[in-house]
Amino acid sequence: MTNAVDTADAADASDAAAEYDVVVVGAGPVGENVADRARAAGLTTAVVENELIGGECSYWACMPSKALLRPVTARADARRVPGLRQSVRGPLDVAEVFAHRDYYASNWKDDGQVSWLESIGVDIHRGRGRLAGPGTVAVEAPSGERYTLTARHAVAVCTGSRAVVPDLPGAAGANPWTSREATSSGKVPGRLVVVGGGVVAVEMATAWQALGSRVTVLVRGKGLLAKMEPFAGELIAEALTEAGATVRTGTSVAAVERREGGSGPVTVVLDGGERIEADEILFATGRAPRTDDIGLDTVGLKPGSWLKVDETCRVEGNDWLYAVGDVNHRALMTHEGKYQARVAGAAIAARAKGEPLDTARWGAHSATADHAAVPQVVFTDPEAAAVGLTLAQAEAAGHRVRAVDYDMASVSGSGLYADGYRGRARMVVDLDRETVLGATFVGPGVAELLHSATVAVAGEVPIPRLWHAVPAYPTISEVWLRLLETYRG
């Protein structure tokens, strides 16, 4: 049996019909990790993918977006350092930034990811995979050839999510950007309207403003990053405004106008009738599951729906079907999907071998972090990093809590990091258990603080023990000591 069925092999696709222990539909980072864990347990495994092996994160999300943003934040940091700021007054080298981005997107080729999957013994089937009944996946190869794969133990749906363009008059025909175009464009638009206030919106506004676009951000709600602590969105809005962008909250788009063919200037019509003209419009207004055309109806599920799962990521009501990553709507982030994949892969292997499962809270076969310790970094300038519950979320969940805030500019390491450092930290403490339920940091260079907070939250480390975790002086991480001192008073 070959390790891959691609366009060149399409004539022989019918010969690839086979039975495996595990069949994974979708070979993004989540599907790759399910396959890896299944193979590590000795289970025969196949993946089915109709786009690039490596998925959204590798080519149109995490990797290219962060490659675009790194020069932006590095320049911003350098401009805050005495003796260096005069050397970085000029504009970014756009061509070099794009080349850097293209390199980290592997030039939109998946050879390296294919080689890795083949090296661990996973069979790759190029084509569109659809469920065709319990334990069965029908594959349509690029040539149109059709064949069937069957799974002895599990099928894992790892098809991810797609950007949603809202159903507004003129929007569909205006050829708008979504996250894919925003991370892969090779041209800087003179004027860019960003619709939305979430992570994609603020990151892409940051990147394109720095690359030379005049950016206008239109937010329907009260502020940016509504799912984080309010001060995160406020500080990022201030920074975007200082950088030259326009941020407008409480603003809704009523229609989009662009000449037929989706080229030329685009006009954004607001609810009140105001018109804004731009060269491109980016809709960063949410995601939908890629489950509309994967055969869910053949197993009694609704096409296009998010798939509800238990703590092992097995779809409720099934003993063979798993939904891992974005499709289960638990935490739509690559690192969290890969975490789920490790849990699901271990659970699939244990069930296949008849071994007992540990599904208790924080057990080996329980994706507990999805509820209690989801980490996230927003790679803007300043960065925002958070894990666990916000104050509002903790209170809504019924916890008796206290929020402890600290001005990050008062930490010695922050002042050394950058002149005029601005930032804020918050620790949310469960007063009954004296553990950290959540933490948020906003400021330059805070992304690398996040894992210490994640360990504290996931480990449910008691506050008295955290006193013994001594931060090195003088680092930004001393904010932990300041938070603890503020808590104790």
Protein backbone atom coordinates (compact mmCIF):
# COMPACT_ATOMS: atom_id res chain seq x y z
CA MET A 1 0.00 0.00 0.00
CA THR A 2 1.30 3.47 -0.82
CA ASN A 3 1.66 6.18 1.78
CA ALA A 4 -0.08 8.85 -0.30
CA VAL A 5 -2.79 9.06 -2.92
CA ASP A 6 -2.49 12.33 -4.83
CA THR A 7 -3.40 13.70 -8.23
CA ALA A 8 -0.66 11.74 -9.93
CA ASP A 9 -1.90 8.52 -8.35
CA ALA A 10 -5.59 9.19 -8.96
CA ALA A 11 -5.91 6.48 -11.58
CA ASP A 12 -5.02 3.93 -8.92
CA ALA A 13 -7.22 5.49 -6.23
CA SER A 14 -9.67 2.58 -6.22
CA ASP A 15 -6.81 0.28 -5.25
CA ALA A 16 -6.29 2.34 -2.11
CA ALA A 17 -9.57 1.24 -0.53
CA ALA A 18 -8.58 -0.26 2.78
CA GLU A 19 -9.46 -0.92 6.39
CA TYR A 20 -7.64 0.91 9.16
CA ASP A 21 -7.90 1.08 12.91
CA VAL A 22 -8.38 4.85 12.69
CA VAL A 23 -9.39 7.16 9.85
CA VAL A 24 -8.89 10.91 10.31
CA VAL A 25 -10.84 13.33 8.13
CA GLY A 26 -8.85 16.56 7.89
CA ALA A 27 -5.06 16.77 8.11
CA GLY A 28 -4.48 20.14 9.73
CA PRO A 29 -2.46 20.28 12.95
CA VAL A 30 -5.33 18.69 14.88
CA GLY A 31 -5.78 15.78 12.49
CA GLU A 32 -2.03 15.29 12.30
CA ASN A 33 -1.82 15.00 16.08
CA VAL A 34 -4.70 12.53 16.30
CA ALA A 35 -2.93 10.44 13.67
CA ASP A 36 0.39 10.73 15.51
CA ARG A 37 -1.08 9.55 18.82
CA ALA A 38 -2.92 6.68 17.14
CA ARG A 39 0.25 5.53 15.37
CA ALA A 40 2.29 5.88 18.56
CA ALA A 41 -0.15 3.44 20.14
CA GLY A 42 0.39 0.96 17.32
CA LEU A 43 -2.90 1.58 15.48
CA THR A 44 -2.99 1.64 11.68
CA THR A 45 -4.03 5.12 10.62
CA ALA A 46 -5.03 7.08 7.53
CA VAL A 47 -5.74 10.77 6.98
CA VAL A 48 -7.94 12.26 4.26
CA GLU A 49 -7.32 15.85 3.15
CA ASN A 50 -8.65 17.86 0.21
CA GLU A 51 -6.36 20.89 0.65
CA LEU A 52 -2.81 21.25 1.94
CA ILE A 53 -1.55 18.87 4.60
CA GLY A 54 -0.98 21.09 7.62
CA GLY A 55 -4.27 22.95 7.41
CA GLU A 56 -5.40 26.50 8.10
CA CYS A 57 -2.85 27.26 10.80
CA SER A 58 0.16 26.47 8.67
CA TYR A 59 -0.79 28.40 5.55
CA TRP A 60 -3.53 30.96 6.27
CA ALA A 61 -3.61 31.65 10.00
CA CYS A 62 -1.13 31.19 12.84
CA MET A 63 2.14 30.95 10.93
CA PRO A 64 1.71 33.61 8.21
CA SER A 65 -0.05 36.05 10.53
CA LYS A 66 2.66 35.88 13.17
CA ALA A 67 5.33 36.18 10.48
CA LEU A 68 3.64 39.41 9.34
CA LEU A 69 3.37 40.69 12.89
CA ARG A 70 6.86 39.89 14.20
CA PRO A 71 8.63 42.69 12.26
CA VAL A 72 5.91 45.08 13.43
CA THR A 73 6.36 44.34 17.13
CA ALA A 74 10.15 44.10 16.86
CA ARG A 75 10.30 47.57 15.30
CA ALA A 76 7.93 48.94 17.94
CA ASP A 77 10.08 47.47 20.71
CA ALA A 78 13.27 48.85 19.16
CA ARG A 79 11.77 52.32 18.96
CA ARG A 80 11.34 52.26 22.74
CA VAL A 81 14.99 51.46 23.49
CA PRO A 82 17.46 54.34 24.03
CA GLY A 83 20.39 54.21 21.62
CA LEU A 84 18.43 52.14 19.12
CA ARG A 85 15.30 54.10 18.35
CA GLN A 86 16.99 56.44 15.86
CA SER A 87 18.09 53.45 13.78
CA VAL A 88 14.56 52.18 13.16
CA ARG A 89 12.67 55.30 12.15
CA GLY A 90 12.07 54.22 8.58
CA PRO A 91 9.25 52.11 7.15
CA LEU A 92 9.25 48.34 7.07
CA ASP A 93 10.72 46.63 4.02
CA VAL A 94 7.42 45.27 2.68
CA ALA A 95 8.98 42.89 0.16
CA GLU A 96 11.19 41.36 2.85
CA VAL A 97 8.27 41.05 5.27
CA PHE A 98 6.25 39.25 2.60
CA ALA A 99 9.17 36.95 1.82
CA HIS A 100 9.49 36.18 5.55
CA ARG A 101 5.76 35.42 5.65
CA ASP A 102 5.92 33.22 2.57
CA TYR A 103 8.80 31.23 4.06
CA TYR A 104 6.85 30.51 7.24
CA ALA A 105 3.83 29.51 5.16
CA SER A 106 6.17 27.06 3.37
CA ASN A 107 5.35 28.94 0.15
CA TRP A 108 1.98 27.20 0.36
CA LYS A 109 3.51 23.80 -0.33
CA ASP A 110 3.02 20.87 2.02
CA ASP A 111 5.99 18.63 1.15
CA GLY A 112 7.46 18.86 4.65
CA GLN A 113 4.20 17.98 6.39
CA VAL A 114 3.65 15.07 4.00
CA SER A 115 7.12 13.74 4.71
CA TRP A 116 6.52 13.88 8.45
CA LEU A 117 3.25 11.96 8.29
CA GLU A 118 4.81 9.36 6.03
CA SER A 119 7.77 9.04 8.42
CA ILE A 120 5.48 7.95 11.25
CA GLY A 121 3.60 5.47 9.06
CA VAL A 122 0.38 7.37 8.39
CA ASP A 123 -1.25 6.81 4.99
CA ILE A 124 -2.33 10.00 3.21
CA HIS A 125 -5.38 10.05 0.96
CA ARG A 126 -5.73 13.18 -1.13
CA GLY A 127 -9.35 14.04 -1.78
CA ARG A 128 -12.61 14.96 -0.14
CA GLY A 129 -13.64 12.67 2.70
CA ARG A 130 -17.27 12.20 3.71
CA LEU A 131 -18.85 9.94 6.28
CA ALA A 132 -20.85 7.18 4.64
CA GLY A 133 -22.27 5.38 7.65
CA PRO A 134 -20.76 4.10 10.91
CA GLY A 135 -17.01 3.64 10.66
CA THR A 136 -16.99 4.40 6.93
CA VAL A 137 -15.42 7.28 5.00
CA ALA A 138 -16.04 7.76 1.28
CA VAL A 139 -13.16 9.48 -0.53
CA GLU A 140 -13.44 11.40 -3.77
CA ALA A 141 -9.96 11.76 -5.26
CA PRO A 142 -8.94 14.85 -7.28
CA SER A 143 -9.51 12.84 -10.47
CA GLY A 144 -13.11 12.15 -9.49
CA GLU A 145 -12.34 8.52 -8.60
CA ARG A 146 -14.30 7.31 -5.57
CA TYR A 147 -13.41 4.68 -3.01
CA THR A 148 -14.12 3.78 0.60
CA LEU A 149 -12.07 3.56 3.78
CA THR A 150 -13.35 1.75 6.84
CA ALA A 151 -12.26 2.18 10.44
CA ARG A 152 -12.18 -0.70 12.92
CA HIS A 153 -12.11 1.57 15.97
CA ALA A 154 -12.62 5.27 15.24
CA VAL A 155 -13.21 7.99 12.71
CA ALA A 156 -12.01 11.42 13.82
CA VAL A 157 -13.51 14.50 12.18
CA CYS A 158 -10.85 17.23 12.25
CA THR A 159 -12.07 19.47 9.44
CA GLY A 160 -11.74 22.74 11.37
CA SER A 161 -13.66 25.94 10.72
CA ARG A 162 -13.96 28.61 8.05
CA ALA A 163 -14.33 32.36 8.15
CA VAL A 164 -17.88 33.68 7.86
CA VAL A 165 -18.80 36.56 5.58
CA PRO A 166 -21.99 38.10 6.99
CA ASP A 167 -25.15 38.03 4.91
CA LEU A 168 -25.18 41.72 4.00
CA PRO A 169 -26.35 43.30 0.75
CA GLY A 170 -23.45 43.28 -1.68
CA ALA A 171 -20.99 41.53 0.61
CA ALA A 172 -20.70 38.24 -1.26
CA GLY A 173 -20.10 39.91 -4.62
CA ALA A 174 -17.59 42.40 -3.26
CA ASN A 175 -14.78 39.85 -3.17
CA PRO A 176 -14.01 40.67 0.50
CA TRP A 177 -10.98 39.54 2.38
CA THR A 178 -11.33 36.93 5.09
CA SER A 179 -8.50 35.75 7.31
CA ARG A 180 -7.08 33.78 4.37
CA GLU A 181 -6.64 36.79 2.11
CA ALA A 182 -5.48 38.99 4.98
CA THR A 183 -2.62 36.62 5.81
CA SER A 184 -1.59 35.77 2.24
CA SER A 185 -2.01 38.98 0.22
CA GLY A 186 1.08 40.11 -1.66
CA LYS A 187 -0.14 43.69 -2.03
CA VAL A 188 -0.62 46.41 0.58
CA PRO A 189 -4.01 48.10 0.13
CA GLY A 190 -3.90 51.87 0.43
CA ARG A 191 -7.05 51.83 2.56
CA LEU A 192 -8.34 48.82 4.49
CA VAL A 193 -11.60 48.52 6.39
CA VAL A 194 -11.60 45.80 9.04
CA VAL A 195 -15.04 44.69 10.22
CA GLY A 196 -14.89 42.98 13.61
CA GLY A 197 -13.26 43.38 16.99
CA GLY A 198 -11.80 39.98 17.76
CA VAL A 199 -8.31 38.53 17.52
CA VAL A 200 -8.12 38.34 13.72
CA ALA A 201 -9.41 41.91 13.42
CA VAL A 202 -6.90 43.48 15.82
CA GLU A 203 -3.92 41.43 14.63
CA MET A 204 -4.54 42.16 10.97
CA ALA A 205 -5.28 45.84 11.69
CA THR A 206 -1.92 46.00 13.49
CA ALA A 207 -0.04 44.29 10.66
CA TRP A 208 -1.50 46.15 7.71
CA GLN A 209 -1.37 49.57 9.39
CA ALA A 210 2.35 49.03 9.97
CA LEU A 211 2.83 47.85 6.38
CA GLY A 212 1.37 51.08 5.04
CA SER A 213 -2.42 50.75 4.89
CA ARG A 214 -4.74 53.37 6.32
CA VAL A 215 -6.84 51.11 8.50
CA THR A 216 -10.35 51.68 9.80
CA VAL A 217 -11.71 49.16 12.31
CA LEU A 218 -15.49 48.93 12.62
CA VAL A 219 -16.71 47.20 15.77
CA ARG A 220 -20.38 46.50 16.40
CA GLY A 221 -19.88 46.09 20.14
CA LYS A 222 -18.54 48.37 22.86
CA GLY A 223 -14.89 47.52 22.41
CA LEU A 224 -12.18 45.21 21.12
CA LEU A 225 -11.49 41.66 22.33
CA ALA A 226 -14.81 41.26 24.12
CA LYS A 227 -13.91 37.81 25.47
CA MET A 228 -10.88 39.10 27.39
CA GLU A 229 -10.64 41.46 30.33
CA PRO A 230 -11.93 44.91 29.23
CA PHE A 231 -8.57 46.61 29.71
CA ALA A 232 -7.00 44.41 27.03
CA GLY A 233 -9.17 45.80 24.28
CA GLU A 234 -8.88 49.33 25.64
CA LEU A 235 -5.07 49.33 25.60
CA ILE A 236 -4.91 47.81 22.13
CA ALA A 237 -7.45 50.32 20.80
CA GLU A 238 -5.31 53.14 22.18
CA ALA A 239 -2.21 51.72 20.51
CA LEU A 240 -3.93 51.25 17.16
CA THR A 241 -5.18 54.82 17.27
CA GLU A 242 -1.71 56.14 18.11
CA ALA A 243 -0.32 54.14 15.19
CA GLY A 244 -2.71 55.95 12.84
CA ALA A 245 -5.64 53.56 12.59
CA THR A 246 -9.22 54.61 13.21
CA VAL A 247 -11.19 52.45 15.67
CA ARG A 248 -14.94 52.96 15.76
CA THR A 249 -17.09 51.06 18.24
CA GLY A 250 -20.87 50.71 18.30
CA THR A 251 -20.81 50.73 14.50
CA SER A 252 -22.67 48.30 12.24
CA VAL A 253 -22.25 47.71 8.51
CA ALA A 254 -25.50 47.74 6.51
CA ALA A 255 -24.20 47.01 3.01
CA VAL A 256 -21.13 46.75 0.82
CA GLU A 257 -20.84 48.16 -2.70
CA ARG A 258 -18.28 47.24 -5.32
CA ARG A 259 -18.47 47.14 -9.07
CA GLU A 260 -19.30 43.84 -10.71
CA GLY A 261 -16.39 41.44 -10.58
CA GLY A 262 -15.29 42.52 -7.12
CA SER A 263 -12.47 44.83 -8.18
CA GLY A 264 -11.75 48.52 -7.71
CA PRO A 265 -12.65 50.57 -4.63
CA VAL A 266 -15.15 49.18 -2.17
CA THR A 267 -17.75 51.29 -0.37
CA VAL A 268 -18.90 50.32 3.10
CA VAL A 269 -22.35 51.63 3.99
CA LEU A 270 -23.00 52.01 7.73
CA ASP A 271 -26.36 51.67 9.47
CA GLY A 272 -26.84 55.42 9.65
CA GLY A 273 -26.13 55.84 5.95
CA GLU A 274 -22.52 57.02 6.26
CA ARG A 275 -20.27 55.73 3.47
CA ILE A 276 -16.60 54.77 3.82
CA GLU A 277 -14.51 54.07 0.75
CA ALA A 278 -11.56 51.67 0.86
CA ASP A 279 -9.41 49.54 -1.40
CA GLU A 280 -10.15 46.31 0.49
CA ILE A 281 -12.54 45.17 3.20
CA LEU A 282 -11.70 42.41 5.69
CA PHE A 283 -14.54 40.61 7.44
CA ALA A 284 -13.28 39.18 10.73
CA THR A 285 -16.71 38.44 12.14
CA GLY A 286 -16.64 34.83 13.24
CA ARG A 287 -16.16 31.22 12.19
CA ALA A 288 -18.40 28.34 11.13
CA PRO A 289 -17.64 24.61 11.27
CA ARG A 290 -16.52 22.83 8.14
CA THR A 291 -19.15 20.14 8.56
CA ASP A 292 -21.69 21.05 5.90
CA ASP A 293 -20.41 18.56 3.31
CA ILE A 294 -18.84 15.71 5.26
CA GLY A 295 -21.77 13.27 5.35
CA LEU A 296 -23.10 13.98 8.83
CA ASP A 297 -26.60 13.12 7.64
CA THR A 298 -25.49 9.52 7.05
CA VAL A 299 -24.92 9.06 10.78
CA GLY A 300 -27.94 10.98 12.10
CA LEU A 301 -26.24 14.35 12.59
CA LYS A 302 -27.10 17.76 11.12
CA PRO A 303 -24.86 18.96 8.29
CA GLY A 304 -23.17 22.28 9.04
CA SER A 305 -23.50 21.90 12.80
CA TRP A 306 -20.93 22.11 15.57
CA LEU A 307 -20.42 18.61 16.98
CA LYS A 308 -21.05 18.14 20.68
CA VAL A 309 -18.53 15.87 22.35
CA ASP A 310 -17.71 14.39 25.74
CA GLU A 311 -14.43 14.98 27.57
CA THR A 312 -12.62 12.44 25.36
CA CYS A 313 -13.82 14.33 22.27
CA ARG A 314 -16.11 11.48 21.26
CA VAL A 315 -19.31 12.72 19.63
CA GLU A 316 -22.24 12.24 21.98
CA GLY A 317 -24.45 9.31 21.01
CA ASN A 318 -21.69 7.48 19.10
CA ASP A 319 -19.12 4.91 20.14
CA TRP A 320 -16.82 5.36 17.10
CA LEU A 321 -17.03 9.00 15.97
CA TYR A 322 -14.76 11.72 17.38
CA ALA A 323 -14.77 15.46 16.64
CA VAL A 324 -11.53 17.19 17.53
CA GLY A 325 -10.50 20.83 17.25
CA ASP A 326 -12.64 23.68 16.00
CA VAL A 327 -15.53 21.44 14.90
CA ASN A 328 -16.53 20.75 18.51
CA HIS A 329 -16.63 24.49 19.33
CA ARG A 330 -14.92 24.07 22.71
CA ALA A 331 -11.89 26.29 22.11
CA LEU A 332 -11.15 27.52 18.59
CA MET A 333 -7.36 27.76 18.81
CA THR A 334 -4.71 25.60 17.21
CA HIS A 335 -2.84 24.78 20.41
CA GLU A 336 -6.07 23.80 22.15
CA GLY A 337 -7.08 21.60 19.22
CA LYS A 338 -3.71 19.85 19.35
CA TYR A 339 -4.22 19.33 23.08
CA GLN A 340 -7.62 17.78 22.37
CA ALA A 341 -5.97 15.61 19.72
CA ARG A 342 -3.53 14.21 22.26
CA VAL A 343 -6.39 13.44 24.63
CA ALA A 344 -8.60 11.94 21.92
CA GLY A 345 -5.75 9.88 20.47
CA ALA A 346 -5.00 8.42 23.88
CA ALA A 347 -8.70 7.66 24.46
CA ILE A 348 -9.06 6.01 21.05
CA ALA A 349 -6.03 3.83 21.76
CA ALA A 350 -7.25 2.87 25.24
CA ARG A 351 -10.68 1.89 23.96
CA ALA A 352 -9.17 -0.06 21.07
CA LYS A 353 -7.06 -2.06 23.52
CA GLY A 354 -9.83 -2.52 26.06
CA GLU A 355 -7.97 -0.51 28.68
CA PRO A 356 -9.73 1.57 31.35
CA LEU A 357 -10.06 5.30 30.77
CA ASP A 358 -9.19 8.08 33.21
CA THR A 359 -11.86 10.69 32.50
CA ALA A 360 -11.76 12.41 35.87
CA ARG A 361 -10.97 16.12 35.99
CA TRP A 362 -7.41 16.54 34.66
CA GLY A 363 -7.33 12.82 33.84
CA ALA A 364 -5.29 11.41 30.96
CA HIS A 365 -8.40 11.02 28.82
CA SER A 366 -10.20 14.24 29.75
CA ALA A 367 -9.77 17.59 27.93
CA THR A 368 -10.28 19.55 31.16
CA ALA A 369 -8.17 22.50 30.04
CA ASP A 370 -10.87 23.37 27.49
CA HIS A 371 -12.96 24.62 30.40
CA ALA A 372 -10.43 25.74 32.97
CA ALA A 373 -7.11 26.72 31.40
CA VAL A 374 -7.31 27.85 27.78
CA PRO A 375 -4.28 30.04 26.97
CA GLN A 376 -4.36 32.70 24.28
CA VAL A 377 -1.96 35.32 23.00
CA VAL A 378 -2.95 38.26 20.81
CA PHE A 379 0.19 39.29 18.93
CA THR A 380 -0.53 42.99 18.65
CA ASP A 381 1.48 45.93 19.99
CA PRO A 382 1.01 45.73 22.94
CA GLU A 383 0.56 41.99 23.24
CA ALA A 384 -2.34 40.57 25.23
CA ALA A 385 -2.03 37.18 26.91
CA ALA A 386 -4.62 35.41 29.01
CA VAL A 387 -5.47 32.02 30.47
CA GLY A 388 -8.40 30.69 32.48
CA LEU A 389 -11.39 32.76 33.52
CA THR A 390 -11.84 36.51 33.38
CA LEU A 391 -13.32 38.22 36.41
CA ALA A 392 -16.75 38.38 34.76
CA GLN A 393 -16.62 34.72 33.74
CA ALA A 394 -15.56 33.61 37.22
CA GLU A 395 -18.38 35.59 38.85
CA ALA A 396 -20.92 34.24 36.36
CA ALA A 397 -19.77 30.71 37.18
CA GLY A 398 -20.57 31.33 40.86
CA HIS A 399 -17.04 31.51 42.22
CA ARG A 400 -16.25 33.80 45.16
CA VAL A 401 -13.36 35.70 43.65
CA ARG A 402 -11.13 38.72 43.91
CA ALA A 403 -9.39 40.45 41.02
CA VAL A 404 -5.86 41.67 41.77
CA ASP A 405 -4.56 44.30 39.34
CA TYR A 406 -1.09 45.73 38.86
CA ASP A 407 0.42 48.38 36.61
CA MET A 408 3.09 46.53 34.65
CA ALA A 409 5.03 49.75 34.10
CA SER A 410 5.92 49.60 37.82
CA VAL A 411 7.94 46.41 37.37
CA SER A 412 11.68 47.00 37.01
CA GLY A 413 12.01 44.60 34.12
CA SER A 414 9.33 46.44 32.17
CA GLY A 415 11.17 49.73 32.38
CA LEU A 416 14.35 48.07 31.16
CA TYR A 417 12.46 46.40 28.34
CA ALA A 418 11.05 49.65 26.97
CA ASP A 419 10.96 53.34 27.74
CA GLY A 420 7.42 54.48 28.42
CA TYR A 421 6.23 50.91 28.99
CA ARG A 422 2.44 50.67 29.27
CA GLY A 423 0.58 47.59 30.44
CA ARG A 424 -1.58 45.97 33.03
CA ALA A 425 -1.87 42.62 34.74
CA ARG A 426 -4.79 40.93 36.48
CA MET A 427 -4.91 37.79 38.59
CA VAL A 428 -8.33 36.31 39.42
CA VAL A 429 -8.19 34.42 42.72
CA ASP A 430 -10.66 31.85 43.99
CA LEU A 431 -11.04 33.03 47.59
CA ASP A 432 -12.40 29.72 48.87
CA ARG A 433 -9.54 27.60 47.53
CA GLU A 434 -6.86 30.30 47.28
CA THR A 435 -5.90 29.29 43.76
CA VAL A 436 -5.58 31.27 40.55
CA LEU A 437 -8.60 30.91 38.26
CA GLY A 438 -7.31 33.22 35.56
CA ALA A 439 -4.63 35.70 34.61
CA THR A 440 -4.33 38.41 31.96
CA PHE A 441 -1.27 40.40 30.94
CA VAL A 442 -1.19 43.29 28.47
CA GLY A 443 2.02 44.98 27.42
CA PRO A 444 5.06 44.60 25.16
CA GLY A 445 6.73 41.22 25.47
CA VAL A 446 4.13 39.59 27.74
CA ALA A 447 3.46 36.53 25.55
CA GLU A 448 6.24 34.56 27.21
CA LEU A 449 4.71 35.23 30.64
CA LEU A 450 1.68 33.19 29.75
CA HIS A 451 2.93 29.67 30.31
CA SER A 452 3.78 30.36 33.94
CA ALA A 453 0.19 31.51 34.39
CA THR A 454 -1.09 28.44 32.56
CA VAL A 455 0.89 26.17 34.88
CA ALA A 456 -0.52 28.00 37.91
CA VAL A 457 -4.11 27.69 36.67
CA ALA A 458 -3.93 24.12 35.34
CA GLY A 459 -1.92 22.96 38.34
CA GLU A 460 -4.31 24.71 40.75
CA VAL A 461 -1.22 25.87 42.62
CA PRO A 462 -2.17 27.34 46.02
CA ILE A 463 -1.29 31.00 46.52
CA PRO A 464 0.92 30.15 49.55
CA ARG A 465 3.01 27.87 47.30
CA LEU A 466 3.29 30.50 44.56
CA TRP A 467 5.17 32.65 47.07
CA HIS A 468 8.00 30.15 46.72
CA ALA A 469 8.14 30.51 42.91
CA VAL A 470 10.77 33.25 42.91
CA PRO A 471 10.89 35.42 39.75
CA ALA A 472 14.33 36.42 38.51
CA TYR A 473 15.33 40.05 38.91
CA PRO A 474 15.05 42.23 36.90
CA THR A 475 12.53 40.60 34.55
CA ILE A 476 8.98 41.41 33.54
CA SER A 477 7.97 38.17 35.28
CA GLU A 478 8.43 39.97 38.59
CA VAL A 479 4.86 41.07 38.03
CA TRP A 480 3.94 37.74 39.65
CA LEU A 481 5.56 38.83 42.90
CA ARG A 482 3.82 42.20 42.72
CA LEU A 483 0.45 40.55 42.17
CA LEU A 484 0.99 38.27 45.15
CA GLU A 485 2.11 41.18 47.33
CA THR A 486 -0.98 43.16 46.30
CA TYR A 487 -3.20 40.17 47.11
CA ARG A 488 -1.72 39.75 50.59
CA GLY A 489 -1.68 43.47 51.27
